[in-house]
């Protein structure tokens, strides 16, 4: 009896998340099919022009927007941002420095500082 390995596939939403792109901005053929593990690896290794453009210009999904702004995803929601943003919109927010963004960045800095303190404490105990 020989065993054959089935091809691992994923939904386009999962693949878009792994690629760090906004699903609604991807080409229709990407959104309407399934993505194999091999196809995902190929997209990561040698991204086509559409993927390069999306990563560079957006629109970006919330986790990427949050990372680029230096805040948490919850911080984006508290600031009223629930939509995908382009790189240009993100840069405009960085220039404007609205009050909510300043507050969320400070909160994120405190969270990171506390995480580092706990990590150092735990390392000391070991």
N, C-alpha and C. Protein backbone atom coordinates (compact mmCIF):
# COMPACT_ATOMS: atom_id res chain seq x y z
N UNK A 1 0.84 -1.16 0.00
CA UNK A 1 0.00 0.00 0.00
C UNK A 1 0.90 1.24 0.00
N UNK A 2 0.66 2.12 -0.95
CA UNK A 2 1.46 3.35 -1.01
C UNK A 2 0.60 4.50 -0.52
N UNK A 3 1.23 5.38 0.21
CA UNK A 3 0.50 6.55 0.69
C UNK A 3 0.88 7.74 -0.17
N UNK A 4 -0.08 8.52 -0.49
CA UNK A 4 0.21 9.73 -1.24
C UNK A 4 -0.17 10.94 -0.38
N UNK A 5 0.63 11.96 -0.52
CA UNK A 5 0.42 13.14 0.30
C UNK A 5 -0.50 14.10 -0.46
N UNK A 6 -1.57 14.50 0.17
CA UNK A 6 -2.48 15.43 -0.49
C UNK A 6 -1.88 16.84 -0.42
N UNK A 7 -2.26 17.64 -1.38
CA UNK A 7 -1.76 19.00 -1.44
C UNK A 7 -2.48 19.85 -0.41
N UNK A 8 -1.72 20.53 0.40
CA UNK A 8 -2.30 21.38 1.43
C UNK A 8 -2.75 22.69 0.78
N UNK A 9 -4.02 23.05 1.00
CA UNK A 9 -4.55 24.29 0.44
C UNK A 9 -5.09 25.18 1.56
N UNK A 10 -5.29 26.43 1.21
CA UNK A 10 -5.85 27.38 2.18
C UNK A 10 -6.77 28.35 1.45
N UNK A 11 -7.63 28.96 2.20
CA UNK A 11 -8.53 29.95 1.63
C UNK A 11 -7.71 31.19 1.27
N UNK A 12 -8.19 31.96 0.31
CA UNK A 12 -7.49 33.19 -0.06
C UNK A 12 -7.31 34.15 1.12
N UNK A 13 -8.28 34.21 2.03
CA UNK A 13 -8.15 35.10 3.19
C UNK A 13 -6.95 34.71 4.06
N UNK A 14 -6.76 33.41 4.24
CA UNK A 14 -5.62 32.93 5.02
C UNK A 14 -4.31 33.26 4.33
N UNK A 15 -4.26 33.04 3.03
CA UNK A 15 -3.06 33.33 2.26
C UNK A 15 -2.74 34.82 2.30
N UNK A 16 -3.77 35.67 2.16
CA UNK A 16 -3.56 37.12 2.20
C UNK A 16 -3.02 37.54 3.55
N UNK A 17 -3.53 36.93 4.61
CA UNK A 17 -3.06 37.24 5.96
C UNK A 17 -1.58 36.86 6.11
N UNK A 18 -1.22 35.69 5.60
CA UNK A 18 0.17 35.24 5.68
C UNK A 18 1.10 36.12 4.84
N UNK A 19 0.56 36.68 3.75
CA UNK A 19 1.35 37.56 2.88
C UNK A 19 1.36 39.00 3.38
N UNK A 20 0.50 39.31 4.35
CA UNK A 20 0.45 40.66 4.91
C UNK A 20 -0.22 41.67 3.98
N UNK A 21 -1.21 41.22 3.21
CA UNK A 21 -1.89 42.13 2.28
C UNK A 21 -3.40 42.11 2.55
N UNK A 22 -4.08 43.16 2.09
CA UNK A 22 -5.52 43.31 2.25
C UNK A 22 -6.19 42.50 1.15
N UNK A 23 -7.00 41.51 1.54
CA UNK A 23 -7.61 40.58 0.59
C UNK A 23 -8.41 41.30 -0.49
N UNK A 24 -9.19 42.30 -0.11
CA UNK A 24 -10.05 42.98 -1.09
C UNK A 24 -9.25 43.66 -2.19
N UNK A 25 -7.98 43.94 -1.96
CA UNK A 25 -7.15 44.62 -2.95
C UNK A 25 -6.39 43.65 -3.86
N UNK A 26 -6.47 42.37 -3.57
CA UNK A 26 -5.76 41.38 -4.40
C UNK A 26 -6.52 41.14 -5.70
N UNK A 27 -5.86 40.60 -6.72
CA UNK A 27 -6.53 40.32 -7.99
C UNK A 27 -7.66 39.29 -7.81
N UNK A 28 -8.66 39.38 -8.68
CA UNK A 28 -9.83 38.50 -8.59
C UNK A 28 -9.44 37.03 -8.64
N UNK A 29 -8.48 36.66 -9.47
CA UNK A 29 -8.10 35.25 -9.56
C UNK A 29 -7.50 34.73 -8.25
N UNK A 30 -6.88 35.62 -7.48
CA UNK A 30 -6.36 35.23 -6.17
C UNK A 30 -7.51 35.04 -5.18
N UNK A 31 -8.47 35.97 -5.17
CA UNK A 31 -9.60 35.93 -4.23
C UNK A 31 -10.57 34.79 -4.49
N UNK A 32 -10.68 34.36 -5.74
CA UNK A 32 -11.71 33.40 -6.10
C UNK A 32 -11.27 31.94 -6.07
N UNK A 33 -10.00 31.67 -5.90
CA UNK A 33 -9.53 30.29 -5.90
C UNK A 33 -9.08 29.85 -4.53
N UNK A 34 -8.33 28.77 -4.52
CA UNK A 34 -7.65 28.33 -3.31
C UNK A 34 -6.16 28.45 -3.57
N UNK A 35 -5.40 28.55 -2.52
CA UNK A 35 -3.95 28.72 -2.63
C UNK A 35 -3.28 27.52 -2.00
N UNK A 36 -2.41 26.89 -2.75
CA UNK A 36 -1.67 25.75 -2.21
C UNK A 36 -0.46 26.27 -1.43
N UNK A 37 0.08 25.41 -0.60
CA UNK A 37 1.28 25.77 0.18
C UNK A 37 2.42 26.12 -0.79
N UNK A 38 2.54 25.37 -1.88
CA UNK A 38 3.60 25.64 -2.87
C UNK A 38 3.41 27.01 -3.52
N UNK A 39 2.15 27.35 -3.83
CA UNK A 39 1.89 28.66 -4.43
C UNK A 39 2.21 29.78 -3.45
N UNK A 40 1.85 29.60 -2.18
CA UNK A 40 2.16 30.59 -1.17
C UNK A 40 3.67 30.78 -1.04
N UNK A 41 4.39 29.67 -0.99
CA UNK A 41 5.85 29.76 -0.89
C UNK A 41 6.44 30.47 -2.10
N UNK A 42 5.89 30.21 -3.28
CA UNK A 42 6.38 30.87 -4.50
C UNK A 42 6.08 32.37 -4.44
N UNK A 43 4.90 32.74 -3.94
CA UNK A 43 4.55 34.16 -3.82
C UNK A 43 5.47 34.86 -2.82
N UNK A 44 5.84 34.17 -1.76
CA UNK A 44 6.73 34.76 -0.76
C UNK A 44 8.16 34.87 -1.29
N UNK A 45 8.60 33.85 -2.02
CA UNK A 45 9.98 33.83 -2.52
C UNK A 45 10.19 34.84 -3.65
N UNK A 46 9.26 34.86 -4.59
CA UNK A 46 9.36 35.77 -5.74
C UNK A 46 8.02 36.45 -5.95
N UNK A 47 7.76 37.53 -5.19
CA UNK A 47 6.45 38.17 -5.28
C UNK A 47 6.21 38.79 -6.66
N UNK A 48 5.03 38.55 -7.25
CA UNK A 48 4.70 39.18 -8.52
C UNK A 48 4.51 40.69 -8.33
N UNK A 49 4.41 41.42 -9.42
CA UNK A 49 4.31 42.88 -9.35
C UNK A 49 3.12 43.34 -8.52
N UNK A 50 1.97 42.67 -8.65
CA UNK A 50 0.79 43.11 -7.90
C UNK A 50 1.02 43.01 -6.39
N UNK A 51 1.75 41.97 -5.97
CA UNK A 51 2.03 41.78 -4.54
C UNK A 51 3.04 42.82 -4.06
N UNK A 52 4.05 43.09 -4.85
CA UNK A 52 5.02 44.12 -4.50
C UNK A 52 4.35 45.48 -4.35
N UNK A 53 3.44 45.79 -5.29
CA UNK A 53 2.73 47.08 -5.25
C UNK A 53 1.84 47.17 -4.01
N UNK A 54 1.13 46.09 -3.69
CA UNK A 54 0.27 46.09 -2.51
C UNK A 54 1.09 46.27 -1.23
N UNK A 55 2.20 45.60 -1.14
CA UNK A 55 3.03 45.71 0.06
C UNK A 55 3.63 47.11 0.19
N UNK A 56 3.93 47.73 -0.93
CA UNK A 56 4.56 49.05 -0.92
C UNK A 56 3.52 50.16 -0.70
N UNK A 57 2.39 50.11 -1.43
CA UNK A 57 1.45 51.23 -1.46
C UNK A 57 0.13 50.98 -0.73
N UNK A 58 -0.20 49.72 -0.46
CA UNK A 58 -1.46 49.40 0.19
C UNK A 58 -2.59 49.33 -0.80
N UNK A 59 -3.79 49.24 -0.33
CA UNK A 59 -4.21 49.37 1.05
C UNK A 59 -3.70 48.22 1.91
N UNK A 60 -3.39 48.57 3.16
CA UNK A 60 -2.81 47.60 4.09
C UNK A 60 -3.88 47.12 5.07
N UNK A 61 -3.81 45.84 5.50
CA UNK A 61 -4.73 45.35 6.52
C UNK A 61 -4.41 45.97 7.88
N UNK A 62 -5.35 45.89 8.79
CA UNK A 62 -5.19 46.53 10.11
C UNK A 62 -3.91 46.14 10.85
N UNK A 63 -3.50 44.85 10.86
CA UNK A 63 -2.26 44.54 11.58
C UNK A 63 -1.04 45.28 11.01
N UNK A 64 -1.00 45.46 9.70
CA UNK A 64 0.11 46.17 9.08
C UNK A 64 0.01 47.66 9.39
N UNK A 65 -1.19 48.22 9.33
CA UNK A 65 -1.40 49.63 9.66
C UNK A 65 -0.96 49.89 11.09
N UNK A 66 -1.39 49.02 12.01
CA UNK A 66 -1.02 49.18 13.42
C UNK A 66 0.48 49.14 13.60
N UNK A 67 1.14 48.20 12.94
CA UNK A 67 2.59 48.08 13.04
C UNK A 67 3.29 49.32 12.49
N UNK A 68 2.82 49.82 11.35
CA UNK A 68 3.44 51.00 10.75
C UNK A 68 3.24 52.26 11.60
N UNK A 69 2.12 52.32 12.32
CA UNK A 69 1.85 53.48 13.18
C UNK A 69 2.43 53.31 14.59
N UNK A 70 2.86 52.09 14.93
CA UNK A 70 3.44 51.85 16.24
C UNK A 70 2.41 51.76 17.35
N UNK A 71 1.21 51.24 17.00
CA UNK A 71 0.14 51.08 17.98
C UNK A 71 -0.41 49.66 17.88
N UNK A 72 -1.33 49.33 18.78
CA UNK A 72 -1.97 48.02 18.73
C UNK A 72 -3.19 48.08 17.82
N UNK A 73 -3.70 46.91 17.44
CA UNK A 73 -4.92 46.87 16.63
C UNK A 73 -6.08 47.45 17.43
N UNK A 74 -6.13 47.17 18.72
CA UNK A 74 -7.18 47.75 19.57
C UNK A 74 -7.04 49.27 19.62
N UNK A 75 -5.81 49.75 19.60
CA UNK A 75 -5.57 51.20 19.58
C UNK A 75 -6.12 51.84 18.32
N UNK A 76 -5.99 51.13 17.19
CA UNK A 76 -6.58 51.63 15.95
C UNK A 76 -8.09 51.77 16.10
N UNK A 77 -8.71 50.76 16.68
CA UNK A 77 -10.17 50.79 16.87
C UNK A 77 -10.57 51.93 17.80
N UNK A 78 -9.81 52.11 18.87
CA UNK A 78 -10.12 53.22 19.79
C UNK A 78 -9.96 54.56 19.09
N UNK A 79 -9.05 54.62 18.12
CA UNK A 79 -8.85 55.85 17.35
C UNK A 79 -9.85 56.01 16.23
N UNK A 80 -10.72 55.03 16.05
CA UNK A 80 -11.76 55.13 15.04
C UNK A 80 -11.36 54.61 13.67
N UNK A 81 -10.21 53.95 13.57
CA UNK A 81 -9.76 53.42 12.28
C UNK A 81 -10.13 51.94 12.16
N UNK A 82 -11.07 51.66 11.29
CA UNK A 82 -11.48 50.27 11.09
C UNK A 82 -11.27 49.84 9.65
N UNK A 83 -10.89 50.76 8.79
CA UNK A 83 -10.70 50.48 7.36
C UNK A 83 -9.22 50.24 7.06
N UNK A 84 -8.98 49.62 5.92
CA UNK A 84 -7.62 49.48 5.44
C UNK A 84 -7.12 50.86 5.00
N UNK A 85 -5.84 51.12 5.20
CA UNK A 85 -5.27 52.41 4.80
C UNK A 85 -4.13 52.19 3.81
N UNK A 86 -3.92 53.19 2.96
CA UNK A 86 -2.79 53.16 2.03
C UNK A 86 -1.56 53.70 2.75
N UNK A 87 -0.42 53.48 2.16
CA UNK A 87 0.83 54.00 2.72
C UNK A 87 0.76 55.52 2.82
N UNK A 88 0.18 56.15 1.82
CA UNK A 88 0.04 57.61 1.81
C UNK A 88 -0.80 58.09 2.99
N UNK A 89 -1.90 57.41 3.26
CA UNK A 89 -2.76 57.77 4.39
C UNK A 89 -2.04 57.56 5.72
N UNK A 90 -1.27 56.50 5.82
CA UNK A 90 -0.51 56.22 7.05
C UNK A 90 0.52 57.32 7.28
N UNK A 91 1.22 57.70 6.23
CA UNK A 91 2.23 58.77 6.34
C UNK A 91 1.57 60.08 6.74
N UNK A 92 0.38 60.37 6.20
CA UNK A 92 -0.34 61.59 6.56
C UNK A 92 -0.69 61.59 8.05
N UNK A 93 -1.13 60.43 8.56
CA UNK A 93 -1.43 60.32 9.99
C UNK A 93 -0.18 60.56 10.84
N UNK A 94 0.93 60.02 10.40
CA UNK A 94 2.19 60.21 11.14
C UNK A 94 2.56 61.69 11.18
N UNK A 95 2.32 62.40 10.08
CA UNK A 95 2.63 63.83 10.03
C UNK A 95 1.68 64.65 10.90
N UNK A 96 0.39 64.31 10.86
CA UNK A 96 -0.62 65.04 11.63
C UNK A 96 -0.47 64.84 13.13
N UNK A 97 -0.07 63.63 13.52
CA UNK A 97 0.05 63.27 14.94
C UNK A 97 -1.21 63.63 15.72
N UNK A 98 -2.38 63.05 15.35
CA UNK A 98 -3.59 63.35 16.12
C UNK A 98 -3.42 62.89 17.57
N UNK A 99 -4.22 63.46 18.43
CA UNK A 99 -4.10 63.18 19.87
C UNK A 99 -4.24 61.70 20.18
N UNK A 100 -5.19 61.02 19.53
CA UNK A 100 -5.39 59.59 19.80
C UNK A 100 -4.14 58.79 19.44
N UNK A 101 -3.45 59.19 18.36
CA UNK A 101 -2.25 58.45 17.94
C UNK A 101 -1.13 58.65 18.96
N UNK A 102 -0.96 59.86 19.43
CA UNK A 102 0.06 60.12 20.46
C UNK A 102 -0.23 59.30 21.72
N UNK A 103 -1.50 59.27 22.12
CA UNK A 103 -1.89 58.54 23.33
C UNK A 103 -1.65 57.04 23.15
N UNK A 104 -2.05 56.50 21.99
CA UNK A 104 -1.88 55.06 21.75
C UNK A 104 -0.41 54.67 21.63
N UNK A 105 0.40 55.52 21.04
CA UNK A 105 1.84 55.24 20.97
C UNK A 105 2.44 55.21 22.36
N UNK A 106 2.02 56.13 23.23
CA UNK A 106 2.52 56.15 24.61
C UNK A 106 2.09 54.88 25.33
N UNK A 107 0.85 54.47 25.13
CA UNK A 107 0.34 53.24 25.74
C UNK A 107 1.16 52.05 25.27
N UNK A 108 1.41 51.98 23.98
CA UNK A 108 2.18 50.87 23.41
C UNK A 108 3.60 50.86 23.96
N UNK A 109 4.19 52.03 24.13
CA UNK A 109 5.55 52.11 24.70
C UNK A 109 5.56 51.58 26.13
N UNK A 110 4.54 51.92 26.91
CA UNK A 110 4.44 51.42 28.29
C UNK A 110 4.29 49.90 28.31
N UNK A 111 3.47 49.37 27.40
CA UNK A 111 3.27 47.93 27.33
C UNK A 111 4.59 47.23 27.01
N UNK A 112 5.33 47.77 26.06
CA UNK A 112 6.63 47.18 25.70
C UNK A 112 7.62 47.26 26.85
N UNK A 113 7.63 48.39 27.54
CA UNK A 113 8.54 48.56 28.67
C UNK A 113 8.22 47.55 29.77
N UNK A 114 6.94 47.36 30.05
CA UNK A 114 6.53 46.40 31.07
C UNK A 114 6.87 44.97 30.66
N UNK A 115 6.68 44.65 29.38
CA UNK A 115 7.01 43.31 28.89
C UNK A 115 8.51 43.06 29.02
N UNK A 116 9.32 44.06 28.72
CA UNK A 116 10.78 43.92 28.85
C UNK A 116 11.17 43.74 30.32
N UNK A 117 10.52 44.49 31.21
CA UNK A 117 10.80 44.37 32.64
C UNK A 117 10.48 42.97 33.14
N UNK A 118 9.33 42.43 32.73
CA UNK A 118 8.94 41.09 33.16
C UNK A 118 9.88 40.03 32.58
N UNK A 119 10.30 40.23 31.36
CA UNK A 119 11.22 39.28 30.74
C UNK A 119 12.56 39.27 31.48
N UNK A 120 13.04 40.46 31.82
CA UNK A 120 14.30 40.55 32.57
C UNK A 120 14.16 39.93 33.95
N UNK A 121 13.02 40.17 34.61
CA UNK A 121 12.79 39.59 35.93
C UNK A 121 12.77 38.07 35.85
N UNK A 122 12.09 37.53 34.85
CA UNK A 122 12.01 36.08 34.69
C UNK A 122 13.38 35.48 34.35
N UNK A 123 14.17 36.18 33.56
CA UNK A 123 15.51 35.71 33.24
C UNK A 123 16.40 35.70 34.48
N UNK A 124 16.21 36.69 35.33
CA UNK A 124 16.97 36.79 36.57
C UNK A 124 16.66 35.61 37.50
N UNK A 125 15.41 35.21 37.53
CA UNK A 125 14.98 34.11 38.38
C UNK A 125 15.49 32.76 37.89
N UNK A 126 15.76 32.65 36.62
CA UNK A 126 16.19 31.36 36.06
C UNK A 126 17.61 31.01 36.38
